[in-house]
Amino acid sequence: MQEPRKPSDKFHGDVGSFISASDAKSRTRQHRAFEEGKLGLKPDEITKAEFFGINRINKLMGRKDCVGIRIYYGKRYEDADGDPTTQDKGELKPRLVLVGVRADGSDIFEDTEGLKDRGDGDALADGAPCPQFC
């Protein structure tokens, strides 16, 4: 009998698989088809992707004890240009949130409570959405 895997077995620099362009295109095409079919959204209403700059990703990855990133699905209220708004002035849109992760699987958040300098942010968000910036 095989010994159960520890959570730390899943959190290292080589987790994930490279896939072919055709597989990537197929997966994203299926997502868009689901959104269109099940939710009745038009192609220009579906968030296909977000772009994040390499300098921001490197800064996130450069945090102490970081072995990788976790990408959370999130939502925020935005106007038609993708700028943040309040609930009564915008539409709830899907957005990604990237967080550094330690080898034990915990998210890397700096505890800045009560400090004058709140740091430079614990997570990376607000990438350039596609459509709008594809």
N, C-alpha and C. Protein backbone atom coordinates (compact mmCIF):
# COMPACT_ATOMS: atom_id res chain seq x y z
N MET A 1 0.84 -1.18 0.00
CA MET A 1 0.00 0.00 0.00
C MET A 1 0.89 1.24 0.00
N GLN A 2 0.54 2.19 -0.85
CA GLN A 2 1.33 3.42 -0.97
C GLN A 2 0.98 4.38 0.17
N GLU A 3 2.02 5.01 0.70
CA GLU A 3 1.84 5.98 1.79
C GLU A 3 1.13 7.23 1.25
N PRO A 4 0.16 7.78 2.01
CA PRO A 4 -0.54 8.98 1.52
C PRO A 4 0.44 10.14 1.32
N ARG A 5 0.14 10.94 0.31
CA ARG A 5 0.99 12.08 0.01
C ARG A 5 0.75 13.19 1.02
N LYS A 6 1.82 13.86 1.38
CA LYS A 6 1.72 15.02 2.25
C LYS A 6 1.39 16.24 1.40
N PRO A 7 0.70 17.23 1.99
CA PRO A 7 0.40 18.44 1.20
C PRO A 7 1.64 19.05 0.58
N SER A 8 2.77 18.98 1.26
CA SER A 8 3.98 19.61 0.73
C SER A 8 4.47 18.93 -0.55
N ASP A 9 4.03 17.69 -0.81
CA ASP A 9 4.40 17.00 -2.04
C ASP A 9 3.82 17.71 -3.26
N LYS A 10 2.77 18.47 -3.08
CA LYS A 10 2.09 19.15 -4.18
C LYS A 10 2.59 20.58 -4.37
N PHE A 11 3.41 21.09 -3.48
CA PHE A 11 3.80 22.49 -3.53
C PHE A 11 5.31 22.62 -3.69
N HIS A 12 5.72 22.63 -4.95
CA HIS A 12 7.13 22.79 -5.29
C HIS A 12 7.21 23.42 -6.67
N GLY A 13 8.40 23.73 -7.11
CA GLY A 13 8.59 24.48 -8.34
C GLY A 13 8.26 23.75 -9.63
N ASP A 14 7.93 22.47 -9.57
CA ASP A 14 7.66 21.73 -10.80
C ASP A 14 6.22 21.22 -10.91
N VAL A 15 5.30 21.82 -10.16
CA VAL A 15 3.90 21.42 -10.25
C VAL A 15 3.27 22.05 -11.48
N GLY A 16 2.47 21.30 -12.18
CA GLY A 16 1.81 21.78 -13.40
C GLY A 16 2.37 21.04 -14.60
N SER A 17 1.63 21.11 -15.68
CA SER A 17 2.02 20.43 -16.91
C SER A 17 2.01 21.42 -18.06
N PHE A 18 3.00 21.32 -18.91
CA PHE A 18 2.97 22.06 -20.15
C PHE A 18 2.07 21.29 -21.10
N ILE A 19 1.20 21.99 -21.79
CA ILE A 19 0.29 21.35 -22.73
C ILE A 19 0.51 21.97 -24.10
N SER A 20 0.03 21.28 -25.11
CA SER A 20 0.20 21.78 -26.47
C SER A 20 -0.71 22.98 -26.71
N ALA A 21 -0.39 23.75 -27.73
CA ALA A 21 -1.23 24.89 -28.10
C ALA A 21 -2.63 24.42 -28.46
N SER A 22 -2.74 23.29 -29.15
CA SER A 22 -4.07 22.81 -29.54
C SER A 22 -4.89 22.41 -28.31
N ASP A 23 -4.26 21.82 -27.30
CA ASP A 23 -4.97 21.46 -26.07
C ASP A 23 -5.40 22.73 -25.33
N ALA A 24 -4.52 23.72 -25.25
CA ALA A 24 -4.85 24.98 -24.59
C ALA A 24 -6.01 25.66 -25.30
N LYS A 25 -5.96 25.70 -26.62
CA LYS A 25 -7.04 26.32 -27.39
C LYS A 25 -8.35 25.57 -27.20
N SER A 26 -8.30 24.25 -27.17
CA SER A 26 -9.49 23.43 -26.97
C SER A 26 -10.12 23.71 -25.61
N ARG A 27 -9.30 23.76 -24.57
CA ARG A 27 -9.82 24.01 -23.22
C ARG A 27 -10.47 25.38 -23.11
N THR A 28 -9.82 26.38 -23.65
CA THR A 28 -10.40 27.73 -23.55
C THR A 28 -11.62 27.88 -24.44
N ARG A 29 -11.62 27.21 -25.57
CA ARG A 29 -12.79 27.24 -26.47
C ARG A 29 -13.99 26.60 -25.76
N GLN A 30 -13.77 25.49 -25.05
CA GLN A 30 -14.85 24.83 -24.32
C GLN A 30 -15.39 25.72 -23.21
N HIS A 31 -14.52 26.46 -22.55
CA HIS A 31 -14.97 27.39 -21.50
C HIS A 31 -15.87 28.46 -22.09
N ARG A 32 -15.44 29.04 -23.19
CA ARG A 32 -16.25 30.09 -23.82
C ARG A 32 -17.59 29.54 -24.30
N ALA A 33 -17.59 28.33 -24.86
CA ALA A 33 -18.83 27.71 -25.33
C ALA A 33 -19.78 27.48 -24.17
N PHE A 34 -19.25 27.06 -23.03
CA PHE A 34 -20.09 26.87 -21.84
C PHE A 34 -20.72 28.19 -21.41
N GLU A 35 -19.90 29.23 -21.34
CA GLU A 35 -20.40 30.54 -20.91
C GLU A 35 -21.49 31.04 -21.87
N GLU A 36 -21.28 30.85 -23.14
CA GLU A 36 -22.26 31.29 -24.13
C GLU A 36 -23.53 30.46 -24.03
N GLY A 37 -23.38 29.14 -23.95
CA GLY A 37 -24.53 28.25 -23.96
C GLY A 37 -25.32 28.24 -22.66
N LYS A 38 -24.63 28.06 -21.55
CA LYS A 38 -25.30 27.92 -20.26
C LYS A 38 -25.73 29.25 -19.67
N LEU A 39 -24.94 30.28 -19.87
CA LEU A 39 -25.23 31.56 -19.24
C LEU A 39 -25.82 32.57 -20.21
N GLY A 40 -25.84 32.23 -21.50
CA GLY A 40 -26.42 33.12 -22.49
C GLY A 40 -25.61 34.37 -22.76
N LEU A 41 -24.30 34.32 -22.46
CA LEU A 41 -23.45 35.48 -22.69
C LEU A 41 -23.02 35.55 -24.15
N LYS A 42 -22.80 36.77 -24.63
CA LYS A 42 -22.27 36.98 -25.98
C LYS A 42 -20.74 36.92 -25.90
N PRO A 43 -20.06 36.59 -27.01
CA PRO A 43 -18.60 36.47 -26.98
C PRO A 43 -17.88 37.68 -26.37
N ASP A 44 -18.37 38.91 -26.63
CA ASP A 44 -17.67 40.08 -26.09
C ASP A 44 -17.99 40.31 -24.61
N GLU A 45 -18.87 39.50 -24.03
CA GLU A 45 -19.20 39.62 -22.60
C GLU A 45 -18.45 38.61 -21.74
N ILE A 46 -17.70 37.72 -22.37
CA ILE A 46 -17.00 36.66 -21.65
C ILE A 46 -15.56 37.07 -21.42
N THR A 47 -15.13 37.03 -20.17
CA THR A 47 -13.72 37.28 -19.87
C THR A 47 -12.94 36.04 -20.28
N LYS A 48 -12.08 36.19 -21.28
CA LYS A 48 -11.31 35.06 -21.80
C LYS A 48 -10.02 34.87 -21.01
N ALA A 49 -9.42 35.98 -20.61
CA ALA A 49 -8.10 35.91 -20.00
C ALA A 49 -7.76 37.23 -19.33
N GLU A 50 -6.65 37.24 -18.61
CA GLU A 50 -6.07 38.48 -18.08
C GLU A 50 -4.57 38.42 -18.31
N PHE A 51 -4.00 39.56 -18.62
CA PHE A 51 -2.55 39.67 -18.81
C PHE A 51 -1.94 40.28 -17.55
N PHE A 52 -0.84 39.67 -17.08
CA PHE A 52 -0.07 40.20 -15.96
C PHE A 52 1.37 40.35 -16.42
N GLY A 53 1.99 41.47 -16.12
CA GLY A 53 3.35 41.75 -16.53
C GLY A 53 4.38 40.92 -15.79
N ILE A 54 5.47 40.59 -16.48
CA ILE A 54 6.52 39.75 -15.93
C ILE A 54 7.16 40.36 -14.69
N ASN A 55 7.30 41.68 -14.64
CA ASN A 55 7.90 42.31 -13.46
C ASN A 55 7.04 42.10 -12.22
N ARG A 56 5.72 42.18 -12.40
CA ARG A 56 4.80 41.95 -11.27
C ARG A 56 4.82 40.49 -10.84
N ILE A 57 4.85 39.58 -11.80
CA ILE A 57 4.90 38.16 -11.47
C ILE A 57 6.21 37.82 -10.78
N ASN A 58 7.32 38.35 -11.29
CA ASN A 58 8.62 38.10 -10.65
C ASN A 58 8.66 38.64 -9.22
N LYS A 59 8.05 39.79 -9.00
CA LYS A 59 8.02 40.36 -7.65
C LYS A 59 7.21 39.46 -6.72
N LEU A 60 6.09 38.96 -7.19
CA LEU A 60 5.27 38.05 -6.40
C LEU A 60 6.05 36.77 -6.11
N MET A 61 6.70 36.21 -7.11
CA MET A 61 7.46 34.98 -6.97
C MET A 61 8.72 35.15 -6.12
N GLY A 62 9.21 36.40 -6.03
CA GLY A 62 10.43 36.67 -5.29
C GLY A 62 10.25 36.80 -3.78
N ARG A 63 9.03 36.66 -3.31
CA ARG A 63 8.80 36.75 -1.86
C ARG A 63 9.45 35.59 -1.14
N LYS A 64 9.84 35.84 0.09
CA LYS A 64 10.53 34.83 0.90
C LYS A 64 9.69 33.55 0.98
N ASP A 65 10.33 32.42 0.76
CA ASP A 65 9.73 31.08 0.85
C ASP A 65 8.75 30.75 -0.27
N CYS A 66 8.64 31.58 -1.30
CA CYS A 66 7.68 31.34 -2.38
C CYS A 66 8.19 30.23 -3.30
N VAL A 67 7.35 29.20 -3.50
CA VAL A 67 7.69 28.11 -4.41
C VAL A 67 6.79 28.08 -5.65
N GLY A 68 5.77 28.95 -5.66
CA GLY A 68 4.86 28.99 -6.79
C GLY A 68 3.73 29.97 -6.54
N ILE A 69 2.74 29.93 -7.40
CA ILE A 69 1.60 30.82 -7.24
C ILE A 69 0.30 30.01 -7.25
N ARG A 70 -0.67 30.54 -6.56
CA ARG A 70 -2.03 30.00 -6.60
C ARG A 70 -2.87 31.07 -7.28
N ILE A 71 -3.73 30.64 -8.18
CA ILE A 71 -4.59 31.58 -8.90
C ILE A 71 -6.02 31.35 -8.45
N TYR A 72 -6.56 32.36 -7.80
CA TYR A 72 -7.94 32.29 -7.33
C TYR A 72 -8.86 32.91 -8.36
N TYR A 73 -10.07 32.40 -8.45
CA TYR A 73 -11.12 33.03 -9.22
C TYR A 73 -11.80 34.02 -8.30
N GLY A 74 -12.04 35.21 -8.79
CA GLY A 74 -12.70 36.23 -8.00
C GLY A 74 -13.65 37.03 -8.87
N LYS A 75 -14.32 37.99 -8.26
CA LYS A 75 -15.20 38.89 -9.00
C LYS A 75 -15.11 40.27 -8.37
N ARG A 76 -15.31 41.28 -9.20
CA ARG A 76 -15.40 42.65 -8.71
C ARG A 76 -16.34 43.43 -9.61
N TYR A 77 -16.84 44.53 -9.07
CA TYR A 77 -17.72 45.40 -9.85
C TYR A 77 -16.86 46.32 -10.71
N GLU A 78 -17.22 46.38 -12.02
CA GLU A 78 -16.47 47.18 -12.99
C GLU A 78 -17.42 47.92 -13.91
N ASP A 79 -16.88 49.00 -14.52
CA ASP A 79 -17.64 49.69 -15.56
C ASP A 79 -17.32 49.05 -16.91
N ALA A 80 -17.84 49.60 -17.98
CA ALA A 80 -17.65 49.03 -19.33
C ALA A 80 -16.20 49.04 -19.77
N ASP A 81 -15.36 49.91 -19.20
CA ASP A 81 -13.94 49.98 -19.55
C ASP A 81 -13.08 49.07 -18.68
N GLY A 82 -13.69 48.35 -17.73
CA GLY A 82 -12.93 47.46 -16.87
C GLY A 82 -12.38 48.13 -15.63
N ASP A 83 -12.78 49.36 -15.37
CA ASP A 83 -12.32 50.07 -14.17
C ASP A 83 -13.22 49.72 -12.99
N PRO A 84 -12.63 49.61 -11.79
CA PRO A 84 -13.43 49.25 -10.62
C PRO A 84 -14.50 50.29 -10.29
N THR A 85 -15.66 49.82 -9.85
CA THR A 85 -16.76 50.69 -9.45
C THR A 85 -17.38 50.14 -8.18
N THR A 86 -18.46 50.74 -7.78
CA THR A 86 -19.24 50.22 -6.67
C THR A 86 -20.37 49.37 -7.23
N GLN A 87 -21.00 48.61 -6.38
CA GLN A 87 -22.05 47.68 -6.79
C GLN A 87 -23.15 48.38 -7.57
N ASP A 88 -23.55 49.56 -7.13
CA ASP A 88 -24.68 50.23 -7.77
C ASP A 88 -24.30 50.91 -9.10
N LYS A 89 -23.01 50.96 -9.41
CA LYS A 89 -22.58 51.64 -10.64
C LYS A 89 -21.84 50.73 -11.61
N GLY A 90 -21.80 49.45 -11.34
CA GLY A 90 -21.06 48.57 -12.22
C GLY A 90 -21.67 47.20 -12.33
N GLU A 91 -20.96 46.36 -13.07
CA GLU A 91 -21.39 44.99 -13.29
C GLU A 91 -20.35 44.06 -12.66
N LEU A 92 -20.82 42.99 -12.04
CA LEU A 92 -19.92 42.02 -11.42
C LEU A 92 -19.23 41.21 -12.50
N LYS A 93 -17.88 41.28 -12.53
CA LYS A 93 -17.10 40.61 -13.58
C LYS A 93 -16.10 39.64 -12.95
N PRO A 94 -15.83 38.51 -13.62
CA PRO A 94 -14.83 37.58 -13.11
C PRO A 94 -13.43 38.17 -13.26
N ARG A 95 -12.62 38.03 -12.23
CA ARG A 95 -11.23 38.51 -12.25
C ARG A 95 -10.35 37.50 -11.52
N LEU A 96 -9.08 37.45 -11.89
CA LEU A 96 -8.13 36.54 -11.27
C LEU A 96 -7.34 37.24 -10.17
N VAL A 97 -6.96 36.46 -9.16
CA VAL A 97 -6.13 36.94 -8.06
C VAL A 97 -4.99 35.94 -7.89
N LEU A 98 -3.74 36.41 -8.02
CA LEU A 98 -2.57 35.55 -7.92
C LEU A 98 -1.90 35.78 -6.57
N VAL A 99 -1.57 34.69 -5.89
CA VAL A 99 -0.97 34.76 -4.56
C VAL A 99 0.23 33.83 -4.51
N GLY A 100 1.31 34.29 -3.89
CA GLY A 100 2.47 33.43 -3.68
C GLY A 100 2.13 32.33 -2.69
N VAL A 101 2.79 31.15 -2.85
CA VAL A 101 2.51 30.00 -1.99
C VAL A 101 3.82 29.41 -1.47
N ARG A 102 3.80 29.02 -0.19
CA ARG A 102 4.94 28.37 0.45
C ARG A 102 4.91 26.86 0.18
N ALA A 103 6.02 26.18 0.49
CA ALA A 103 6.12 24.73 0.27
C ALA A 103 5.12 23.95 1.11
N ASP A 104 4.62 24.53 2.20
CA ASP A 104 3.61 23.83 3.01
C ASP A 104 2.20 24.05 2.47
N GLY A 105 2.07 24.79 1.38
CA GLY A 105 0.77 25.03 0.77
C GLY A 105 0.05 26.27 1.25
N SER A 106 0.65 27.00 2.18
CA SER A 106 -0.02 28.20 2.70
C SER A 106 0.24 29.41 1.80
N ASP A 107 -0.77 30.26 1.71
CA ASP A 107 -0.64 31.50 0.95
C ASP A 107 0.29 32.45 1.68
N ILE A 108 1.05 33.22 0.92
CA ILE A 108 1.98 34.18 1.51
C ILE A 108 1.29 35.52 1.60
N PHE A 109 0.89 35.86 2.81
CA PHE A 109 0.32 37.17 3.09
C PHE A 109 1.14 37.78 4.21
N GLU A 110 1.62 39.00 3.99
CA GLU A 110 2.36 39.69 5.04
C GLU A 110 1.38 40.27 6.03
N ASP A 111 1.67 40.12 7.31
CA ASP A 111 0.80 40.68 8.33
C ASP A 111 1.21 42.12 8.57
N THR A 112 0.48 43.05 7.96
CA THR A 112 0.80 44.48 8.08
C THR A 112 -0.18 45.21 8.98
N GLU A 113 -1.03 44.48 9.68
CA GLU A 113 -2.02 45.09 10.56
C GLU A 113 -1.33 45.98 11.59
N GLY A 114 -1.75 47.22 11.66
CA GLY A 114 -1.22 48.16 12.64
C GLY A 114 0.07 48.83 12.21
N LEU A 115 0.64 48.46 11.08
CA LEU A 115 1.87 49.08 10.63
C LEU A 115 1.57 50.31 9.78
N LYS A 116 2.46 51.31 9.88
CA LYS A 116 2.29 52.52 9.07
C LYS A 116 2.42 52.18 7.58
N ASP A 117 3.45 51.39 7.24
CA ASP A 117 3.67 50.98 5.86
C ASP A 117 2.95 49.67 5.64
N ARG A 118 1.91 49.67 4.83
CA ARG A 118 1.10 48.48 4.59
C ARG A 118 1.74 47.56 3.54
N GLY A 119 2.97 47.84 3.13
CA GLY A 119 3.63 47.00 2.15
C GLY A 119 3.16 47.32 0.74
N ASP A 120 3.54 46.46 -0.19
CA ASP A 120 3.23 46.70 -1.60
C ASP A 120 2.12 45.79 -2.11
N GLY A 121 1.41 45.19 -1.21
CA GLY A 121 0.32 44.30 -1.63
C GLY A 121 0.72 42.85 -1.50
N ASP A 122 -0.22 42.04 -1.08
CA ASP A 122 0.05 40.63 -0.86
C ASP A 122 -0.30 39.76 -2.05
N ALA A 123 -1.12 40.27 -2.93
CA ALA A 123 -1.58 39.48 -4.06
C ALA A 123 -1.55 40.34 -5.32
N LEU A 124 -1.53 39.68 -6.44
CA LEU A 124 -1.51 40.36 -7.73
C LEU A 124 -2.88 40.21 -8.38
N ALA A 125 -3.46 41.33 -8.79
CA ALA A 125 -4.78 41.32 -9.41
C ALA A 125 -4.85 42.45 -10.43
N ASP A 126 -6.02 42.63 -10.99
CA ASP A 126 -6.29 43.73 -11.92
C ASP A 126 -5.42 43.67 -13.17
N GLY A 127 -5.26 42.47 -13.72
CA GLY A 127 -4.57 42.34 -14.99
C GLY A 127 -5.39 42.99 -16.10
N ALA A 128 -4.80 43.10 -17.25
CA ALA A 128 -5.51 43.67 -18.40
C ALA A 128 -6.44 42.59 -18.96
N PRO A 129 -7.77 42.83 -18.90
CA PRO A 129 -8.70 41.78 -19.31
C PRO A 129 -8.85 41.68 -20.83
N CYS A 130 -9.18 40.47 -21.25
CA CYS A 130 -9.49 40.19 -22.65
C CYS A 130 -10.90 39.61 -22.67
N PRO A 131 -11.88 40.18 -23.34
CA PRO A 131 -11.71 41.23 -24.32
C PRO A 131 -11.45 42.59 -23.67
N GLN A 132 -11.12 43.51 -24.44
CA GLN A 132 -10.70 44.88 -24.24
C GLN A 132 -9.22 44.98 -24.60
N PHE A 133 -8.39 44.12 -24.01
CA PHE A 133 -6.94 44.18 -24.27
C PHE A 133 -6.47 42.78 -24.65
N CYS A 134 -6.72 42.39 -25.89
CA CYS A 134 -6.34 41.04 -26.36
C CYS A 134 -5.21 41.14 -27.37
